[in-house]
Amino acid sequence: MNKFKKYNSYKDSGLEWLGEIPNSFDVLMIKNIFRYFGSGSTPKSTNIHYYNDGKINWLNTTDLKNELISFTKNKITKLAFNEVNLKLYPKNTLAIAMYGQGETRGSVGLLDIITTTNQASCMMYKSFNAIEKYMLWWFVSKKSNIRAINTGATQPNMNQDFIRNLFIALPPLKTQQKIASYLDTQTQNIDKEIALLEQKSLKYKELKQTLINERVLRGLDEGVKFETKRLKDFIIYTIGGDVIDVSYWGSGNELTYTAGKNPVLSNFDNFQARKRTKENDILIARNGDGFVHIPKLNSIFTNVVQLVRLSKKVNIKFIWYCLEDIKFQINRMSNGDFIASLNKEMWFNSFLNIPPLKEQIKIATYLDEKTGKIDDINAKIKDKITLLKAFRKTLINDVVTGKVKICD
């Protein structure tokens, strides 16, 4: 990787969000960089003749991934193009999402194809004095700033005038080319490293699932007899949750409690004793999602889950591993499209291979140890990915904005 140094001298840009910039950079409005601006429209989705067998690219803001755009998820027909009076935009057009949910607003893409678009994208093309690829990297680096200065309603939207009047610190063409080429190479290298780590993480997850599958079906010791039982054969009590906002779905299929540091029923005296979780309780999603969770003792639960209390003839952690295996197998067979089928009735009627209680405990203890090690490895991989993504973001920003200069 190239070493960096500072530019010879810096000046105040006159704008707080741009800060100091190299003396060789000029402060310009976007409208002084691109000759043409445009947008598009959305053909009526109820007209099948506008979409069926469509061949014309039609850009949505979901296609904007802060990179080159080589395809669009949606296509329209020539009939839609003509009747809605749409326009085709050439390659090297820069597109920015003027509005959209979540992180969409402010996302950009540089066309590597010819496409039309909907009304949510601002299209900029035919630059006077800029290299389009550099402009892509500039918008990527300044996305959070642009979103911050964009004012409006609760879900603020941009418009073309807002974008046209944005200021940019623009370096000379030769510097733009150098920066664009450098970032193309470096971000590709970082992205490849991230992809390899993600593949590695996926293999460890598959190893974990294979390990669980082998042990819950075959056990640890030869000669141990298994009985085939349904989950409901061991249920001694079940109840749906109350509609109380004390917990919510967290990341990674984990139930996160929000009722204080010690969310136990003693904090909620008006709840009956039957509403608190006890030993051998498990929480499952009442509809879809495949969520299975062993709660802490004395926790309360919401209407999105079903509490299932199991007989002490089974070990709760062993049962949890069995249900995790069932969920994984269904997911694999259905290509991930299993949400609608995984409900409490499906879980209650699931067939499980049940060994004697002592063997269940041995298997659960074994899997805790082995899967724990795999989880630790994956946590370290996740940390590396997080660091690489942060480094990528910082690198783009520092190089594009002139905080550092690329050395030959």
Protein backbone atom coordinates (compact mmCIF):
# COMPACT_ATOMS: atom_id res chain seq x y z
CA MET A 1 0.00 0.00 0.00
CA ASN A 2 1.22 3.48 -0.85
CA LYS A 3 2.58 5.70 1.89
CA PHE A 4 0.99 9.08 2.46
CA LYS A 5 2.12 12.59 3.15
CA LYS A 6 0.38 15.93 3.56
CA TYR A 7 -0.18 18.42 0.74
CA ASN A 8 2.21 21.40 0.77
CA SER A 9 -0.34 23.87 2.12
CA TYR A 10 -3.97 24.07 3.16
CA LYS A 11 -6.71 26.72 3.26
CA ASP A 12 -10.08 27.19 4.91
CA SER A 13 -12.85 25.98 2.60
CA GLY A 14 -15.28 28.44 4.15
CA LEU A 15 -17.65 25.58 4.97
CA GLU A 16 -17.58 23.81 8.32
CA TRP A 17 -18.47 20.39 6.90
CA LEU A 18 -15.68 20.59 4.29
CA GLY A 19 -13.10 21.99 6.72
CA GLU A 20 -9.54 22.70 5.59
CA ILE A 21 -8.63 21.67 2.07
CA PRO A 22 -5.39 21.65 0.05
CA ASN A 23 -4.60 24.95 -1.69
CA SER A 24 -4.84 23.24 -5.07
CA PHE A 25 -8.49 22.24 -4.47
CA ASP A 26 -11.30 24.52 -5.70
CA VAL A 27 -14.62 24.95 -3.89
CA LEU A 28 -17.42 24.58 -6.44
CA MET A 29 -21.11 23.76 -6.54
CA ILE A 30 -22.18 20.46 -8.08
CA LYS A 31 -24.13 22.42 -10.72
CA ASN A 32 -20.79 23.85 -11.89
CA ILE A 33 -19.39 20.37 -12.39
CA PHE A 34 -22.13 18.52 -14.31
CA ARG A 35 -23.78 19.85 -17.46
CA TYR A 36 -27.04 17.91 -17.13
CA PHE A 37 -29.31 16.76 -14.29
CA GLY A 38 -32.39 14.57 -14.50
CA SER A 39 -34.63 12.01 -12.89
CA GLY A 40 -37.33 9.59 -13.95
CA SER A 41 -40.71 8.10 -13.12
CA THR A 42 -42.42 4.86 -12.11
CA PRO A 43 -44.68 3.07 -14.59
CA LYS A 44 -47.89 1.80 -12.92
CA SER A 45 -47.13 -1.50 -11.24
CA THR A 46 -50.71 -2.66 -11.93
CA ASN A 47 -50.07 -2.65 -15.68
CA ILE A 48 -48.44 -6.02 -16.43
CA HIS A 49 -47.65 -4.86 -19.96
CA TYR A 50 -45.18 -2.38 -18.47
CA TYR A 51 -43.06 -5.04 -16.79
CA ASN A 52 -43.62 -8.53 -18.20
CA ASP A 53 -40.67 -9.56 -20.38
CA GLY A 54 -39.20 -6.08 -20.02
CA LYS A 55 -35.74 -5.58 -21.49
CA ILE A 56 -35.02 -1.93 -20.64
CA ASN A 57 -33.00 -1.29 -17.47
CA TRP A 58 -34.97 0.65 -14.85
CA LEU A 59 -32.92 1.94 -11.92
CA ASN A 60 -34.27 1.96 -8.36
CA THR A 61 -32.56 3.47 -5.35
CA THR A 62 -32.03 -0.07 -4.02
CA ASP A 63 -29.64 -0.56 -6.96
CA LEU A 64 -27.36 2.18 -5.60
CA LYS A 65 -24.63 0.42 -3.61
CA ASN A 66 -21.89 3.11 -3.66
CA GLU A 67 -20.15 1.40 -6.56
CA LEU A 68 -20.36 0.79 -10.31
CA ILE A 69 -23.83 -0.24 -11.52
CA SER A 70 -23.62 -3.08 -14.02
CA PHE A 71 -27.26 -4.26 -13.81
CA THR A 72 -30.67 -3.26 -12.44
CA LYS A 73 -32.98 -5.62 -10.59
CA ASN A 74 -36.00 -4.35 -12.49
CA LYS A 75 -36.69 -4.06 -16.22
CA ILE A 76 -39.51 -2.36 -18.10
CA THR A 77 -40.98 -2.76 -21.57
CA LYS A 78 -40.72 -0.40 -24.54
CA LEU A 79 -44.43 0.32 -24.05
CA ALA A 80 -43.77 1.59 -20.50
CA PHE A 81 -40.78 3.60 -21.65
CA ASN A 82 -42.79 5.37 -24.36
CA GLU A 83 -46.08 5.88 -22.51
CA VAL A 84 -44.49 7.16 -19.30
CA ASN A 85 -42.13 9.35 -21.33
CA LEU A 86 -38.94 8.11 -19.66
CA LYS A 87 -35.34 8.99 -20.56
CA LEU A 88 -32.29 6.77 -21.03
CA TYR A 89 -29.14 7.86 -19.21
CA PRO A 90 -25.69 7.06 -20.63
CA LYS A 91 -22.76 5.25 -19.07
CA ASN A 92 -20.75 7.32 -16.59
CA THR A 93 -23.89 8.99 -15.28
CA LEU A 94 -23.69 9.48 -11.52
CA ALA A 95 -26.89 8.60 -9.67
CA ILE A 96 -27.75 9.58 -6.09
CA ALA A 97 -30.77 8.47 -4.05
CA MET A 98 -32.78 11.55 -3.08
CA TYR A 99 -34.93 9.57 -0.67
CA GLY A 100 -35.51 6.06 0.57
CA GLN A 101 -35.70 4.01 3.75
CA GLY A 102 -32.84 3.45 6.18
CA GLU A 103 -29.41 4.08 4.68
CA THR A 104 -30.67 4.44 1.11
CA ARG A 105 -30.92 8.24 1.05
CA GLY A 106 -27.58 9.61 -0.13
CA SER A 107 -26.35 6.32 -1.61
CA VAL A 108 -24.74 6.64 -5.03
CA GLY A 109 -23.80 4.62 -8.08
CA LEU A 110 -21.93 5.19 -11.32
CA LEU A 111 -23.58 3.75 -14.42
CA ASP A 112 -21.68 1.11 -16.33
CA ILE A 113 -24.86 0.48 -18.34
CA ILE A 114 -27.51 2.52 -20.12
CA THR A 115 -30.65 2.81 -18.01
CA THR A 116 -33.74 4.79 -17.20
CA THR A 117 -34.73 5.45 -13.59
CA ASN A 118 -37.54 6.24 -11.18
CA GLN A 119 -38.30 9.58 -9.55
CA ALA A 120 -36.20 8.87 -6.43
CA SER A 121 -32.81 9.20 -8.15
CA CYS A 122 -31.02 12.35 -9.29
CA MET A 123 -28.94 11.65 -12.40
CA MET A 124 -25.86 13.78 -13.17
CA TYR A 125 -23.87 13.48 -16.39
CA LYS A 126 -21.45 15.11 -18.84
CA SER A 127 -19.00 16.76 -16.48
CA PHE A 128 -17.26 20.05 -17.26
CA ASN A 129 -14.20 19.52 -15.09
CA ALA A 130 -14.37 16.27 -13.11
CA ILE A 131 -13.65 12.58 -13.51
CA GLU A 132 -16.87 10.71 -12.79
CA LYS A 133 -15.16 7.97 -10.81
CA TYR A 134 -13.62 10.56 -8.50
CA MET A 135 -17.07 12.09 -8.03
CA LEU A 136 -18.41 8.68 -7.06
CA TRP A 137 -15.76 8.36 -4.35
CA TRP A 138 -16.43 11.90 -3.17
CA PHE A 139 -20.15 11.22 -2.69
CA VAL A 140 -19.34 7.94 -0.92
CA SER A 141 -17.01 9.75 1.49
CA LYS A 142 -19.48 12.56 2.18
CA LYS A 143 -22.72 10.57 2.43
CA SER A 144 -23.18 11.09 6.19
CA ASN A 145 -22.38 14.83 5.87
CA ILE A 146 -24.86 15.25 3.03
CA ARG A 147 -27.57 13.46 4.99
CA ALA A 148 -26.82 15.64 8.03
CA ILE A 149 -27.15 18.96 6.23
CA ASN A 150 -30.23 17.78 4.34
CA THR A 151 -33.16 19.19 6.29
CA GLY A 152 -36.85 18.48 6.04
CA ALA A 153 -39.49 16.24 7.57
CA THR A 154 -39.05 13.31 9.95
CA GLN A 155 -37.88 11.30 6.92
CA PRO A 156 -36.06 14.14 5.09
CA ASN A 157 -35.89 13.94 1.33
CA MET A 158 -33.45 15.59 -1.03
CA ASN A 159 -34.37 17.20 -4.32
CA GLN A 160 -32.39 18.16 -7.40
CA ASP A 161 -31.92 21.76 -6.28
CA PHE A 162 -30.42 20.60 -3.00
CA ILE A 163 -27.96 18.36 -4.85
CA ARG A 164 -27.14 20.93 -7.53
CA ASN A 165 -26.24 23.49 -4.84
CA LEU A 166 -24.02 21.22 -2.77
CA PHE A 167 -20.44 22.43 -2.45
CA ILE A 168 -17.46 20.19 -3.20
CA ALA A 169 -13.71 20.64 -2.79
CA LEU A 170 -12.48 19.60 -6.24
CA PRO A 171 -8.80 18.82 -6.93
CA PRO A 172 -7.12 19.23 -10.35
CA LEU A 173 -7.99 16.59 -12.96
CA LYS A 174 -4.63 14.85 -12.64
CA THR A 175 -5.09 14.50 -8.86
CA GLN A 176 -8.67 13.29 -9.34
CA GLN A 177 -7.48 10.54 -11.68
CA LYS A 178 -4.73 9.52 -9.28
CA ILE A 179 -7.16 9.35 -6.35
CA ALA A 180 -9.80 7.42 -8.32
CA SER A 181 -7.30 4.83 -9.55
CA TYR A 182 -5.76 4.43 -6.11
CA LEU A 183 -9.11 3.94 -4.37
CA ASP A 184 -10.29 1.51 -7.06
CA THR A 185 -7.28 -0.71 -6.35
CA GLN A 186 -7.20 -0.39 -2.58
CA THR A 187 -10.93 -0.85 -1.98
CA GLN A 188 -10.96 -3.90 -4.28
CA ASN A 189 -8.16 -5.42 -2.19
CA ILE A 190 -10.00 -4.66 1.05
CA ASP A 191 -13.28 -6.00 -0.33
CA LYS A 192 -11.56 -9.23 -1.38
CA GLU A 193 -10.14 -9.65 2.11
CA ILE A 194 -13.56 -9.03 3.64
CA ALA A 195 -15.16 -11.53 1.25
CA LEU A 196 -12.58 -14.19 2.19
CA LEU A 197 -13.23 -13.60 5.89
CA GLU A 198 -16.99 -13.82 5.32
CA GLN A 199 -16.53 -17.12 3.47
CA LYS A 200 -14.36 -18.37 6.32
CA SER A 201 -17.02 -17.35 8.84
CA LEU A 202 -19.70 -19.13 6.81
CA LYS A 203 -17.65 -22.34 6.80
CA TYR A 204 -17.30 -22.19 10.57
CA LYS A 205 -21.06 -21.68 10.89
CA GLU A 206 -21.62 -24.71 8.66
CA LEU A 207 -19.13 -26.69 10.75
CA LYS A 208 -21.08 -25.72 13.87
CA GLN A 209 -24.37 -26.85 12.36
CA THR A 210 -22.85 -30.13 11.15
CA LEU A 211 -21.47 -30.78 14.62
CA ILE A 212 -24.87 -30.12 16.21
CA ASN A 213 -26.61 -32.33 13.67
CA GLU A 214 -24.27 -35.27 14.19
CA ARG A 215 -24.44 -35.17 17.97
CA VAL A 216 -28.21 -34.70 18.40
CA LEU A 217 -28.88 -37.54 15.96
CA ARG A 218 -26.11 -39.97 16.89
CA GLY A 219 -25.05 -38.97 20.39
CA LEU A 220 -21.56 -39.39 21.81
CA ASP A 221 -21.48 -43.04 22.84
CA GLU A 222 -22.23 -46.04 20.68
CA GLY A 223 -24.99 -48.29 21.92
CA VAL A 224 -27.06 -45.51 23.51
CA LYS A 225 -30.69 -45.95 22.53
CA PHE A 226 -32.72 -43.06 21.15
CA GLU A 227 -36.50 -42.72 21.20
CA THR A 228 -38.39 -40.73 18.58
CA LYS A 229 -40.71 -38.28 20.34
CA ARG A 230 -42.49 -35.10 19.45
CA LEU A 231 -41.71 -31.93 21.34
CA LYS A 232 -45.28 -31.75 22.63
CA ASP A 233 -44.79 -35.11 24.36
CA PHE A 234 -42.61 -33.24 26.88
CA ILE A 235 -44.63 -30.04 27.22
CA ILE A 236 -46.21 -29.66 30.64
CA TYR A 237 -47.25 -26.03 30.27
CA THR A 238 -47.40 -23.41 27.55
CA ILE A 239 -48.68 -19.86 27.33
CA GLY A 240 -48.45 -16.89 24.97
CA GLY A 241 -46.90 -13.65 26.14
CA ASP A 242 -48.69 -10.52 27.28
CA VAL A 243 -48.66 -7.37 25.20
CA ILE A 244 -46.04 -5.46 27.20
CA ASP A 245 -43.17 -3.49 25.76
CA VAL A 246 -40.34 -4.88 27.86
CA SER A 247 -38.41 -6.87 25.30
CA TYR A 248 -37.73 -6.88 21.59
CA TRP A 249 -35.96 -8.86 18.90
CA GLY A 250 -32.25 -8.12 19.00
CA SER A 251 -29.52 -8.90 16.48
CA GLY A 252 -28.47 -12.49 15.95
CA ASN A 253 -31.81 -14.05 17.01
CA GLU A 254 -31.21 -12.91 20.57
CA LEU A 255 -33.94 -11.66 22.87
CA THR A 256 -32.88 -8.38 24.42
CA TYR A 257 -34.55 -7.18 27.61
CA THR A 258 -35.23 -3.48 28.09
CA ALA A 259 -37.01 -3.37 31.46
CA GLY A 260 -34.03 -2.14 33.44
CA LYS A 261 -30.77 -3.67 34.56
CA ASN A 262 -32.51 -6.53 36.34
CA PRO A 263 -35.65 -7.26 34.33
CA VAL A 264 -37.34 -9.72 36.70
CA LEU A 265 -40.91 -9.89 37.81
CA SER A 266 -40.17 -8.21 41.15
CA ASN A 267 -40.05 -4.99 39.10
CA PHE A 268 -43.62 -5.66 37.88
CA ASP A 269 -45.67 -6.52 40.98
CA ASN A 270 -48.93 -6.54 39.05
CA PHE A 271 -47.90 -9.62 37.07
CA GLN A 272 -48.95 -13.04 38.24
CA ALA A 273 -46.36 -15.65 39.18
CA ARG A 274 -47.29 -17.73 36.13
CA LYS A 275 -45.88 -14.96 33.93
CA ARG A 276 -42.30 -15.44 35.06
CA THR A 277 -39.93 -17.86 33.33
CA LYS A 278 -38.68 -20.87 35.25
CA GLU A 279 -36.23 -23.73 34.85
CA ASN A 280 -36.72 -25.81 31.70
CA ASP A 281 -38.57 -23.00 29.92
CA ILE A 282 -37.94 -22.16 26.32
CA LEU A 283 -39.29 -19.29 24.22
CA ILE A 284 -40.22 -19.78 20.57
CA ALA A 285 -41.56 -17.41 17.94
CA ARG A 286 -45.33 -17.76 17.70
CA ASN A 287 -45.23 -17.14 13.95
CA GLY A 288 -42.33 -17.47 11.55
CA ASP A 289 -38.75 -16.31 12.05
CA GLY A 290 -37.45 -19.55 13.59
CA PHE A 291 -36.58 -17.86 16.89
CA VAL A 292 -35.78 -20.26 19.76
CA HIS A 293 -34.39 -18.88 23.02
CA ILE A 294 -33.59 -20.14 26.51
CA PRO A 295 -34.52 -17.20 28.78
CA LYS A 296 -32.97 -16.16 32.05
CA LEU A 297 -34.88 -17.24 35.15
CA ASN A 298 -37.69 -14.90 36.24
CA SER A 299 -37.73 -12.97 32.98
CA ILE A 300 -41.00 -11.76 31.49
CA PHE A 301 -41.88 -12.15 27.83
CA THR A 302 -43.98 -10.48 25.16
CA ASN A 303 -46.78 -11.47 22.84
CA VAL A 304 -44.39 -12.25 19.98
CA VAL A 305 -43.20 -15.42 21.71
CA GLN A 306 -44.73 -18.56 23.17
CA LEU A 307 -43.42 -19.86 26.49
CA VAL A 308 -43.00 -23.63 26.55
CA ARG A 309 -42.25 -25.39 29.84
CA LEU A 310 -40.79 -28.87 29.40
CA SER A 311 -40.77 -31.93 31.60
CA LYS A 312 -37.63 -32.55 33.63
CA LYS A 313 -37.27 -35.80 31.69
CA VAL A 314 -35.41 -33.70 29.11
CA ASN A 315 -32.48 -31.31 29.31
CA ILE A 316 -33.50 -27.88 28.05
CA LYS A 317 -30.16 -27.15 26.38
CA PHE A 318 -30.25 -30.49 24.54
CA ILE A 319 -33.76 -29.69 23.29
CA TRP A 320 -32.56 -26.27 22.19
CA TYR A 321 -29.81 -27.87 20.10
CA CYS A 322 -32.38 -30.24 18.57
CA LEU A 323 -34.64 -27.35 17.58
CA GLU A 324 -31.71 -25.35 16.19
CA ASP A 325 -30.85 -28.35 14.02
CA ILE A 326 -34.43 -28.66 12.77
CA LYS A 327 -34.49 -24.95 11.92
CA PHE A 328 -31.21 -25.22 10.02
CA GLN A 329 -32.31 -28.27 8.02
CA ILE A 330 -35.62 -26.64 7.03
CA ASN A 331 -33.81 -23.46 6.08
CA ARG A 332 -31.31 -25.35 3.93
CA MET A 333 -33.98 -27.38 2.12
CA SER A 334 -36.18 -24.35 1.46
CA ASN A 335 -33.38 -21.97 0.39
CA GLY A 336 -34.01 -19.72 3.34
CA ASP A 337 -37.70 -19.18 2.55
CA PHE A 338 -39.10 -20.82 5.69
CA ILE A 339 -40.48 -17.93 7.69
CA ALA A 340 -44.18 -18.65 7.17
CA SER A 341 -43.96 -22.34 8.14
CA LEU A 342 -42.08 -22.01 11.42
CA ASN A 343 -44.82 -21.42 13.97
CA LYS A 344 -45.61 -22.88 17.38
CA GLU A 345 -47.69 -25.75 15.93
CA MET A 346 -44.78 -26.77 13.73
CA TRP A 347 -42.45 -26.76 16.73
CA PHE A 348 -44.87 -28.69 18.96
CA ASN A 349 -45.14 -31.46 16.34
CA SER A 350 -41.41 -31.64 15.59
CA PHE A 351 -39.96 -35.14 15.90
CA LEU A 352 -36.85 -35.36 18.09
CA ASN A 353 -34.39 -38.18 18.77
CA ILE A 354 -34.27 -38.41 22.56
CA PRO A 355 -31.58 -40.41 24.44
CA PRO A 356 -31.63 -40.96 28.22
CA LEU A 357 -31.34 -37.81 30.33
CA LYS A 358 -27.71 -38.43 31.32
CA GLU A 359 -26.75 -38.72 27.65
CA GLN A 360 -28.69 -35.53 26.82
CA ILE A 361 -26.68 -33.64 29.44
CA LYS A 362 -23.40 -35.08 28.11
CA ILE A 363 -24.29 -34.10 24.54
CA ALA A 364 -25.36 -30.58 25.57
CA THR A 365 -22.16 -30.07 27.60
CA TYR A 366 -20.03 -31.35 24.71
CA LEU A 367 -21.79 -29.06 22.21
CA ASP A 368 -21.51 -26.07 24.55
CA GLU A 369 -17.74 -26.53 24.63
CA LYS A 370 -17.22 -27.23 20.93
CA THR A 371 -19.65 -24.65 19.55
CA GLY A 372 -18.35 -22.10 22.06
CA LYS A 373 -14.89 -22.41 20.53
CA ILE A 374 -16.33 -21.98 17.05
CA ASP A 375 -18.30 -18.93 18.21
CA ASP A 376 -15.09 -17.43 19.63
CA ILE A 377 -13.33 -17.90 16.29
CA ASN A 378 -16.24 -16.33 14.43
CA ALA A 379 -16.31 -13.41 16.87
CA LYS A 380 -12.65 -12.70 16.05
CA ILE A 381 -13.40 -12.93 12.32
CA LYS A 382 -16.29 -10.51 12.79
CA ASP A 383 -13.97 -8.09 14.61
CA LYS A 384 -11.50 -8.23 11.72
CA ILE A 385 -14.27 -7.51 9.22
CA THR A 386 -15.45 -4.56 11.31
CA LEU A 387 -11.93 -3.13 11.44
CA LEU A 388 -11.44 -3.56 7.69
CA LYS A 389 -14.74 -1.81 6.93
CA ALA A 390 -13.80 1.06 9.24
CA PHE A 391 -10.35 1.32 7.63
CA ARG A 392 -11.94 1.33 4.15
CA LYS A 393 -14.25 4.19 5.13
CA THR A 394 -11.43 6.23 6.68
CA LEU A 395 -9.14 5.61 3.72
CA ILE A 396 -11.72 6.86 1.20
CA ASN A 397 -12.48 9.95 3.24
CA ASP A 398 -8.87 10.92 3.95
CA VAL A 399 -7.73 10.52 0.35
CA VAL A 400 -10.76 12.15 -1.32
CA THR A 401 -10.85 15.17 0.98
CA GLY A 402 -7.11 15.86 0.80
CA LYS A 403 -6.30 15.04 4.42
CA VAL A 404 -3.52 12.91 2.98
CA LYS A 405 -1.73 12.90 -0.36
CA ILE A 406 -0.93 9.74 -2.26
CA CYS A 407 2.81 9.29 -2.82
CA ASP A 408 4.05 7.82 -6.10
